[in-house]
PDB file of N, CA and C in Angstrom:
ATOM      1  N   MET A   1       0.837  -1.177   0.000  1.00  0.00           N
ATOM      2  CA  MET A   1       0.000   0.000   0.000  1.00  0.00           C
ATOM      3  C   MET A   1       0.886   1.246   0.000  1.00  0.00           C
ATOM      4  N   LYS A   2       0.582   2.171  -0.898  1.00  0.00           N
ATOM      5  CA  LYS A   2       1.372   3.394  -1.026  1.00  0.00           C
ATOM      6  C   LYS A   2       0.992   4.381   0.070  1.00  0.00           C
ATOM      7  N   MET A   3       2.010   4.957   0.704  1.00  0.00           N
ATOM      8  CA  MET A   3       1.773   5.964   1.740  1.00  0.00           C
ATOM      9  C   MET A   3       1.364   7.276   1.074  1.00  0.00           C
ATOM     10  N   MET A   4       0.505   8.008   1.765  1.00  0.00           N
ATOM     11  CA  MET A   4       0.081   9.310   1.250  1.00  0.00           C
ATOM     12  C   MET A   4       1.207  10.322   1.418  1.00  0.00           C
ATOM     13  N   THR A   5       1.319  11.203   0.452  1.00  0.00           N
ATOM     14  CA  THR A   5       2.290  12.286   0.529  1.00  0.00           C
ATOM     15  C   THR A   5       1.799  13.314   1.542  1.00  0.00           C
ATOM     16  N   THR A   6       2.704  13.818   2.358  1.00  0.00           N
ATOM     17  CA  THR A   6       2.329  14.800   3.377  1.00  0.00           C
ATOM     18  C   THR A   6       2.701  16.210   2.921  1.00  0.00           C
ATOM     19  N   MET A   7       2.135  17.195   3.621  1.00  0.00           N
ATOM     20  CA  MET A   7       2.479  18.587   3.334  1.00  0.00           C
ATOM     21  C   MET A   7       3.963  18.838   3.572  1.00  0.00           C
ATOM     22  N   LEU A   8       4.527  18.165   4.553  1.00  0.00           N
ATOM     23  CA  LEU A   8       5.952  18.342   4.837  1.00  0.00           C
ATOM     24  C   LEU A   8       6.797  17.869   3.650  1.00  0.00           C
ATOM     25  N   GLU A   9       6.416  16.761   3.038  1.00  0.00           N
ATOM     26  CA  GLU A   9       7.144  16.263   1.866  1.00  0.00           C
ATOM     27  C   GLU A   9       7.011  17.227   0.688  1.00  0.00           C
ATOM     28  N   VAL A  10       5.827  17.802   0.509  1.00  0.00           N
ATOM     29  CA  VAL A  10       5.627  18.805  -0.542  1.00  0.00           C
ATOM     30  C   VAL A  10       6.507  20.018  -0.256  1.00  0.00           C
ATOM     31  N   ALA A  11       6.551  20.444   1.003  1.00  0.00           N
ATOM     32  CA  ALA A  11       7.365  21.600   1.388  1.00  0.00           C
ATOM     33  C   ALA A  11       8.840  21.360   1.088  1.00  0.00           C
ATOM     34  N   LYS A  12       9.340  20.186   1.438  1.00  0.00           N
ATOM     35  CA  LYS A  12      10.744  19.869   1.170  1.00  0.00           C
ATOM     36  C   LYS A  12      11.026  19.881  -0.326  1.00  0.00           C
ATOM     37  N   ARG A  13      10.119  19.317  -1.104  1.00  0.00           N
ATOM     38  CA  ARG A  13      10.296  19.257  -2.555  1.00  0.00           C
ATOM     39  C   ARG A  13      10.300  20.662  -3.166  1.00  0.00           C
ATOM     40  N   ALA A  14       9.454  21.549  -2.629  1.00  0.00           N
ATOM     41  CA  ALA A  14       9.348  22.913  -3.158  1.00  0.00           C
ATOM     42  C   ALA A  14      10.383  23.855  -2.553  1.00  0.00           C
ATOM     43  N   GLY A  15      11.041  23.429  -1.475  1.00  0.00           N
ATOM     44  CA  GLY A  15      12.036  24.279  -0.824  1.00  0.00           C
ATOM     45  C   GLY A  15      11.418  25.396  -0.006  1.00  0.00           C
ATOM     46  N   VAL A  16      10.253  25.111   0.593  1.00  0.00           N
ATOM     47  CA  VAL A  16       9.558  26.101   1.418  1.00  0.00           C
ATOM     48  C   VAL A  16       9.153  25.447   2.733  1.00  0.00           C
ATOM     49  N   SER A  17       8.539  26.222   3.616  1.00  0.00           N
ATOM     50  CA  SER A  17       8.085  25.669   4.891  1.00  0.00           C
ATOM     51  C   SER A  17       6.712  25.020   4.733  1.00  0.00           C
ATOM     52  N   LYS A  18       6.368  24.199   5.710  1.00  0.00           N
ATOM     53  CA  LYS A  18       5.050  23.561   5.732  1.00  0.00           C
ATOM     54  C   LYS A  18       3.952  24.622   5.819  1.00  0.00           C
ATOM     55  N   ALA A  19       4.208  25.692   6.561  1.00  0.00           N
ATOM     56  CA  ALA A  19       3.240  26.785   6.693  1.00  0.00           C
ATOM     57  C   ALA A  19       2.996  27.463   5.346  1.00  0.00           C
ATOM     58  N   THR A  20       4.040  27.608   4.547  1.00  0.00           N
ATOM     59  CA  THR A  20       3.882  28.214   3.224  1.00  0.00           C
ATOM     60  C   THR A  20       3.026  27.332   2.331  1.00  0.00           C
ATOM     61  N   VAL A  21       3.245  26.027   2.374  1.00  0.00           N
ATOM     62  CA  VAL A  21       2.414  25.096   1.598  1.00  0.00           C
ATOM     63  C   VAL A  21       0.960  25.239   2.028  1.00  0.00           C
ATOM     64  N   SER A  22       0.732  25.320   3.320  1.00  0.00           N
ATOM     65  CA  SER A  22      -0.620  25.470   3.842  1.00  0.00           C
ATOM     66  C   SER A  22      -1.264  26.758   3.335  1.00  0.00           C
ATOM     67  N   ARG A  23      -0.511  27.867   3.356  1.00  0.00           N
ATOM     68  CA  ARG A  23      -1.042  29.147   2.878  1.00  0.00           C
ATOM     69  C   ARG A  23      -1.374  29.092   1.390  1.00  0.00           C
ATOM     70  N   VAL A  24      -0.512  28.461   0.612  1.00  0.00           N
ATOM     71  CA  VAL A  24      -0.754  28.362  -0.833  1.00  0.00           C
ATOM     72  C   VAL A  24      -2.008  27.535  -1.104  1.00  0.00           C
ATOM     73  N   LEU A  25      -2.128  26.388  -0.443  1.00  0.00           N
ATOM     74  CA  LEU A  25      -3.258  25.498  -0.712  1.00  0.00           C
ATOM     75  C   LEU A  25      -4.578  26.055  -0.204  1.00  0.00           C
ATOM     76  N   SER A  26      -4.531  26.831   0.877  1.00  0.00           N
ATOM     77  CA  SER A  26      -5.769  27.386   1.426  1.00  0.00           C
ATOM     78  C   SER A  26      -6.124  28.730   0.796  1.00  0.00           C
ATOM     79  N   GLY A  27      -5.135  29.370   0.159  1.00  0.00           N
ATOM     80  CA  GLY A  27      -5.374  30.674  -0.448  1.00  0.00           C
ATOM     81  C   GLY A  27      -5.368  31.812   0.554  1.00  0.00           C
ATOM     82  N   ASN A  28      -4.910  31.555   1.770  1.00  0.00           N
ATOM     83  CA  ASN A  28      -4.856  32.579   2.818  1.00  0.00           C
ATOM     84  C   ASN A  28      -3.449  33.142   2.932  1.00  0.00           C
ATOM     85  N   GLY A  29      -3.350  34.430   3.113  1.00  0.00           N
ATOM     86  CA  GLY A  29      -2.050  35.055   3.306  1.00  0.00           C
ATOM     87  C   GLY A  29      -1.351  35.313   1.986  1.00  0.00           C
ATOM     88  N   TYR A  30      -0.350  36.183   2.026  1.00  0.00           N
ATOM     89  CA  TYR A  30       0.381  36.531   0.812  1.00  0.00           C
ATOM     90  C   TYR A  30       1.518  35.550   0.578  1.00  0.00           C
ATOM     91  N   VAL A  31       1.580  35.052  -0.640  1.00  0.00           N
ATOM     92  CA  VAL A  31       2.693  34.220  -1.091  1.00  0.00           C
ATOM     93  C   VAL A  31       2.993  34.663  -2.517  1.00  0.00           C
ATOM     94  N   SER A  32       4.266  34.853  -2.840  1.00  0.00           N
ATOM     95  CA  SER A  32       4.623  35.316  -4.181  1.00  0.00           C
ATOM     96  C   SER A  32       4.196  34.299  -5.234  1.00  0.00           C
ATOM     97  N   GLN A  33       3.987  34.786  -6.445  1.00  0.00           N
ATOM     98  CA  GLN A  33       3.558  33.908  -7.540  1.00  0.00           C
ATOM     99  C   GLN A  33       4.612  32.842  -7.823  1.00  0.00           C
ATOM    100  N   GLU A  34       5.880  33.209  -7.723  1.00  0.00           N
ATOM    101  CA  GLU A  34       6.971  32.252  -7.956  1.00  0.00           C
ATOM    102  C   GLU A  34       6.893  31.096  -6.950  1.00  0.00           C
ATOM    103  N   THR A  35       6.652  31.422  -5.689  1.00  0.00           N
ATOM    104  CA  THR A  35       6.540  30.392  -4.652  1.00  0.00           C
ATOM    105  C   THR A  35       5.301  29.541  -4.880  1.00  0.00           C
ATOM    106  N   LYS A  36       4.182  30.169  -5.231  1.00  0.00           N
ATOM    107  CA  LYS A  36       2.964  29.408  -5.531  1.00  0.00           C
ATOM    108  C   LYS A  36       3.221  28.407  -6.650  1.00  0.00           C
ATOM    109  N   ASP A  37       3.912  28.860  -7.691  1.00  0.00           N
ATOM    110  CA  ASP A  37       4.212  27.980  -8.819  1.00  0.00           C
ATOM    111  C   ASP A  37       5.048  26.783  -8.378  1.00  0.00           C
ATOM    112  N   ARG A  38       6.065  27.035  -7.528  1.00  0.00           N
ATOM    113  CA  ARG A  38       6.911  25.938  -7.039  1.00  0.00           C
ATOM    114  C   ARG A  38       6.104  24.950  -6.212  1.00  0.00           C
ATOM    115  N   VAL A  39       5.217  25.465  -5.353  1.00  0.00           N
ATOM    116  CA  VAL A  39       4.399  24.594  -4.503  1.00  0.00           C
ATOM    117  C   VAL A  39       3.445  23.773  -5.359  1.00  0.00           C
ATOM    118  N   PHE A  40       2.762  24.411  -6.307  1.00  0.00           N
ATOM    119  CA  PHE A  40       1.818  23.679  -7.155  1.00  0.00           C
ATOM    120  C   PHE A  40       2.530  22.629  -8.005  1.00  0.00           C
ATOM    121  N   GLN A  41       3.745  22.923  -8.451  1.00  0.00           N
ATOM    122  CA  GLN A  41       4.519  21.944  -9.207  1.00  0.00           C
ATOM    123  C   GLN A  41       4.877  20.758  -8.312  1.00  0.00           C
ATOM    124  N   ALA A  42       5.286  21.031  -7.073  1.00  0.00           N
ATOM    125  CA  ALA A  42       5.623  19.960  -6.130  1.00  0.00           C
ATOM    126  C   ALA A  42       4.395  19.119  -5.803  1.00  0.00           C
ATOM    127  N   VAL A  43       3.237  19.761  -5.672  1.00  0.00           N
ATOM    128  CA  VAL A  43       1.986  19.037  -5.405  1.00  0.00           C
ATOM    129  C   VAL A  43       1.691  18.094  -6.565  1.00  0.00           C
ATOM    130  N   GLU A  44       1.823  18.604  -7.781  1.00  0.00           N
ATOM    131  CA  GLU A  44       1.537  17.792  -8.962  1.00  0.00           C
ATOM    132  C   GLU A  44       2.512  16.623  -9.087  1.00  0.00           C
ATOM    133  N   GLU A  45       3.803  16.885  -8.886  1.00  0.00           N
ATOM    134  CA  GLU A  45       4.821  15.841  -9.020  1.00  0.00           C
ATOM    135  C   GLU A  45       4.678  14.754  -7.964  1.00  0.00           C
ATOM    136  N   SER A  46       4.270  15.144  -6.767  1.00  0.00           N
ATOM    137  CA  SER A  46       4.204  14.184  -5.664  1.00  0.00           C
ATOM    138  C   SER A  46       2.859  13.478  -5.570  1.00  0.00           C
ATOM    139  N   GLY A  47       1.848  14.016  -6.253  1.00  0.00           N
ATOM    140  CA  GLY A  47       0.519  13.414  -6.169  1.00  0.00           C
ATOM    141  C   GLY A  47      -0.167  13.698  -4.847  1.00  0.00           C
ATOM    142  N   TYR A  48       0.188  14.811  -4.216  1.00  0.00           N
ATOM    143  CA  TYR A  48      -0.388  15.166  -2.912  1.00  0.00           C
ATOM    144  C   TYR A  48      -1.889  15.357  -3.013  1.00  0.00           C
ATOM    145  N   ARG A  49      -2.600  14.802  -2.036  1.00  0.00           N
ATOM    146  CA  ARG A  49      -4.041  15.031  -1.870  1.00  0.00           C
ATOM    147  C   ARG A  49      -4.285  15.300  -0.399  1.00  0.00           C
ATOM    148  N   PRO A  50      -5.109  16.305  -0.082  1.00  0.00           N
ATOM    149  CA  PRO A  50      -5.403  16.583   1.327  1.00  0.00           C
ATOM    150  C   PRO A  50      -6.073  15.380   1.984  1.00  0.00           C
ATOM    151  N   ASN A  51      -5.746  15.141   3.243  1.00  0.00           N
ATOM    152  CA  ASN A  51      -6.352  14.056   4.003  1.00  0.00           C
ATOM    153  C   ASN A  51      -7.689  14.559   4.543  1.00  0.00           C
ATOM    154  N   LEU A  52      -8.779  14.101   3.941  1.00  0.00           N
ATOM    155  CA  LEU A  52     -10.105  14.599   4.316  1.00  0.00           C
ATOM    156  C   LEU A  52     -10.488  14.193   5.730  1.00  0.00           C
ATOM    157  N   LEU A  53     -10.056  13.024   6.174  1.00  0.00           N
ATOM    158  CA  LEU A  53     -10.349  12.588   7.536  1.00  0.00           C
ATOM    159  C   LEU A  53      -9.711  13.548   8.541  1.00  0.00           C
ATOM    160  N   ALA A  54      -8.457  13.895   8.322  1.00  0.00           N
ATOM    161  CA  ALA A  54      -7.768  14.825   9.222  1.00  0.00           C
ATOM    162  C   ALA A  54      -8.424  16.202   9.180  1.00  0.00           C
ATOM    163  N   ARG A  55      -8.817  16.637   8.006  1.00  0.00           N
ATOM    164  CA  ARG A  55      -9.474  17.942   7.884  1.00  0.00           C
ATOM    165  C   ARG A  55     -10.785  17.959   8.663  1.00  0.00           C
ATOM    166  N   ASN A  56     -11.569  16.895   8.533  1.00  0.00           N
ATOM    167  CA  ASN A  56     -12.849  16.826   9.237  1.00  0.00           C
ATOM    168  C   ASN A  56     -12.656  16.749  10.748  1.00  0.00           C
ATOM    169  N   LEU A  57     -11.654  16.019  11.189  1.00  0.00           N
ATOM    170  CA  LEU A  57     -11.394  15.923  12.626  1.00  0.00           C
ATOM    171  C   LEU A  57     -10.987  17.273  13.201  1.00  0.00           C
ATOM    172  N   SER A  58     -10.154  18.012  12.473  1.00  0.00           N
ATOM    173  CA  SER A  58      -9.686  19.294  12.993  1.00  0.00           C
ATOM    174  C   SER A  58     -10.778  20.360  12.942  1.00  0.00           C
ATOM    175  N   ALA A  59     -11.751  20.218  12.066  1.00  0.00           N
ATOM    176  CA  ALA A  59     -12.814  21.212  11.935  1.00  0.00           C
ATOM    177  C   ALA A  59     -13.967  20.968  12.902  1.00  0.00           C
ATOM    178  N   LYS A  60     -14.013  19.785  13.470  1.00  0.00           N
ATOM    179  CA  LYS A  60     -15.114  19.436  14.366  1.00  0.00           C
ATOM    180  C   LYS A  60     -14.993  20.210  15.673  1.00  0.00           C
ATOM    181  N   SER A  61     -16.096  20.768  16.130  1.00  0.00           N
ATOM    182  CA  SER A  61     -16.069  21.480  17.407  1.00  0.00           C
ATOM    183  C   SER A  61     -16.659  20.598  18.498  1.00  0.00           C
ATOM    184  N   THR A  62     -16.237  20.832  19.709  1.00  0.00           N
ATOM    185  CA  THR A  62     -16.708  20.007  20.829  1.00  0.00           C
ATOM    186  C   THR A  62     -17.800  20.711  21.593  1.00  0.00           C
TER     187      THR A  62
END
């Protein structure tokens, strides 16, 4: 079974921080177009997909 690519792996591939990858993917905060391009290229090359289970768990309120 193939392991899912993580945001950290995308960040390493793009040469940016995990926080920058998060900002690019969420569209929040300023990131230069050059950095966005590098992140999107790394996402495409690595086959990154957001983990929907983790997203739903973090969005749930108690």
